[in-house]
Amino acid sequence: MSSPKPNLFIVGAPKCGTTAWVHYLKSHPDICFPDRKEPASSVKQLVVP
């Protein structure tokens, strides 16, 4: 089984509550998150020119 492709990015500044949103959304069974909190190296691969 392949891993799901992202269709939403939560973007925020430091100390703006994005960590709280991640903890809240992780409780939903249809929402998954990467193992790393900030997968910056993956963003370059996901952007379509």
N, C-alpha and C. Protein backbone atom coordinates (compact mmCIF):
# COMPACT_ATOMS: atom_id res chain seq x y z
N MET A 1 0.85 -1.18 0.00
CA MET A 1 0.00 0.00 0.00
C MET A 1 0.89 1.24 0.00
N SER A 2 0.60 2.16 -0.90
CA SER A 2 1.40 3.38 -0.95
C SER A 2 0.89 4.39 0.07
N SER A 3 1.76 5.29 0.45
CA SER A 3 1.36 6.30 1.42
C SER A 3 0.52 7.36 0.72
N PRO A 4 -0.42 7.96 1.45
CA PRO A 4 -1.29 8.96 0.84
C PRO A 4 -0.53 10.21 0.43
N LYS A 5 -0.99 10.84 -0.63
CA LYS A 5 -0.38 12.09 -1.09
C LYS A 5 -1.02 13.26 -0.35
N PRO A 6 -0.24 14.25 0.02
CA PRO A 6 -0.81 15.40 0.74
C PRO A 6 -1.73 16.23 -0.16
N ASN A 7 -2.81 16.73 0.43
CA ASN A 7 -3.68 17.64 -0.29
C ASN A 7 -3.96 18.90 0.53
N LEU A 8 -3.23 19.03 1.65
CA LEU A 8 -3.37 20.21 2.49
C LEU A 8 -2.08 20.42 3.26
N PHE A 9 -1.63 21.64 3.34
CA PHE A 9 -0.47 21.99 4.15
C PHE A 9 -0.91 23.00 5.20
N ILE A 10 -0.52 22.76 6.44
CA ILE A 10 -0.77 23.73 7.49
C ILE A 10 0.48 24.56 7.62
N VAL A 11 0.36 25.84 7.31
CA VAL A 11 1.51 26.74 7.33
C VAL A 11 1.30 27.75 8.45
N GLY A 12 2.35 27.98 9.21
CA GLY A 12 2.22 28.96 10.28
C GLY A 12 3.56 29.53 10.69
N ALA A 13 3.49 30.55 11.45
CA ALA A 13 4.69 31.19 11.98
C ALA A 13 4.98 30.59 13.36
N PRO A 14 6.18 30.81 13.89
CA PRO A 14 6.47 30.33 15.24
C PRO A 14 5.50 30.90 16.26
N LYS A 15 5.12 30.05 17.18
CA LYS A 15 4.22 30.44 18.29
C LYS A 15 2.84 30.88 17.83
N CYS A 16 2.32 30.31 16.73
CA CYS A 16 0.99 30.72 16.27
C CYS A 16 -0.06 29.64 16.44
N GLY A 17 0.29 28.51 17.04
CA GLY A 17 -0.71 27.49 17.35
C GLY A 17 -0.81 26.34 16.38
N THR A 18 0.12 26.22 15.42
CA THR A 18 0.02 25.12 14.46
C THR A 18 0.22 23.76 15.12
N THR A 19 1.03 23.68 16.15
CA THR A 19 1.23 22.42 16.85
C THR A 19 -0.07 21.97 17.50
N ALA A 20 -0.82 22.89 18.06
CA ALA A 20 -2.11 22.55 18.66
C ALA A 20 -3.07 22.02 17.60
N TRP A 21 -3.07 22.62 16.41
CA TRP A 21 -3.92 22.14 15.32
C TRP A 21 -3.54 20.72 14.92
N VAL A 22 -2.25 20.45 14.85
CA VAL A 22 -1.80 19.10 14.48
C VAL A 22 -2.28 18.09 15.51
N HIS A 23 -2.14 18.38 16.78
CA HIS A 23 -2.60 17.45 17.82
C HIS A 23 -4.11 17.23 17.73
N TYR A 24 -4.85 18.27 17.46
CA TYR A 24 -6.31 18.18 17.33
C TYR A 24 -6.69 17.35 16.10
N LEU A 25 -6.08 17.64 14.97
CA LEU A 25 -6.44 16.95 13.73
C LEU A 25 -5.98 15.50 13.68
N LYS A 26 -4.93 15.16 14.42
CA LYS A 26 -4.44 13.78 14.43
C LYS A 26 -5.48 12.80 14.97
N SER A 27 -6.46 13.29 15.71
CA SER A 27 -7.48 12.40 16.26
C SER A 27 -8.49 11.95 15.19
N HIS A 28 -8.49 12.58 14.02
CA HIS A 28 -9.41 12.19 12.95
C HIS A 28 -8.82 11.00 12.18
N PRO A 29 -9.61 9.96 11.96
CA PRO A 29 -9.07 8.75 11.31
C PRO A 29 -8.69 8.93 9.84
N ASP A 30 -9.24 9.93 9.15
CA ASP A 30 -8.93 10.13 7.73
C ASP A 30 -7.83 11.14 7.49
N ILE A 31 -7.22 11.64 8.55
CA ILE A 31 -6.16 12.64 8.41
C ILE A 31 -4.85 12.02 8.90
N CYS A 32 -3.82 12.13 8.08
CA CYS A 32 -2.52 11.59 8.50
C CYS A 32 -1.47 12.70 8.37
N PHE A 33 -0.41 12.53 9.12
CA PHE A 33 0.67 13.52 9.16
C PHE A 33 2.00 12.82 8.94
N PRO A 34 2.98 13.54 8.45
CA PRO A 34 4.31 12.94 8.28
C PRO A 34 4.95 12.67 9.64
N ASP A 35 5.93 11.79 9.63
CA ASP A 35 6.65 11.49 10.88
C ASP A 35 7.40 12.71 11.40
N ARG A 36 7.96 13.50 10.47
CA ARG A 36 8.66 14.71 10.87
C ARG A 36 7.67 15.86 10.92
N LYS A 37 7.81 16.70 11.92
CA LYS A 37 6.90 17.84 12.06
C LYS A 37 7.04 18.84 10.92
N GLU A 38 8.25 19.08 10.48
CA GLU A 38 8.50 20.07 9.44
C GLU A 38 9.26 19.43 8.28
N PRO A 39 8.53 18.79 7.37
CA PRO A 39 9.20 18.10 6.25
C PRO A 39 9.62 19.06 5.13
N ALA A 40 10.45 20.03 5.45
CA ALA A 40 10.85 21.06 4.49
C ALA A 40 11.53 20.47 3.26
N SER A 41 12.27 19.40 3.44
CA SER A 41 12.96 18.82 2.28
C SER A 41 11.99 18.18 1.31
N SER A 42 10.81 17.80 1.75
CA SER A 42 9.82 17.18 0.87
C SER A 42 9.06 18.19 0.05
N VAL A 43 8.99 19.43 0.49
CA VAL A 43 8.20 20.43 -0.19
C VAL A 43 8.69 20.65 -1.63
N LYS A 44 9.98 20.63 -1.84
CA LYS A 44 10.52 20.85 -3.17
C LYS A 44 10.04 19.76 -4.13
N GLN A 45 9.86 18.54 -3.64
CA GLN A 45 9.42 17.44 -4.47
C GLN A 45 7.92 17.51 -4.77
N LEU A 46 7.15 18.18 -3.93
CA LEU A 46 5.71 18.21 -4.10
C LEU A 46 5.22 19.38 -4.95
N VAL A 47 6.02 20.39 -5.15
CA VAL A 47 5.61 21.56 -5.92
C VAL A 47 5.64 21.21 -7.41
N VAL A 48 4.53 21.48 -8.07
CA VAL A 48 4.44 21.21 -9.50
C VAL A 48 4.78 22.49 -10.26
N PRO A 49 5.75 22.43 -11.17
CA PRO A 49 6.14 23.64 -11.91
C PRO A 49 5.04 24.15 -12.83
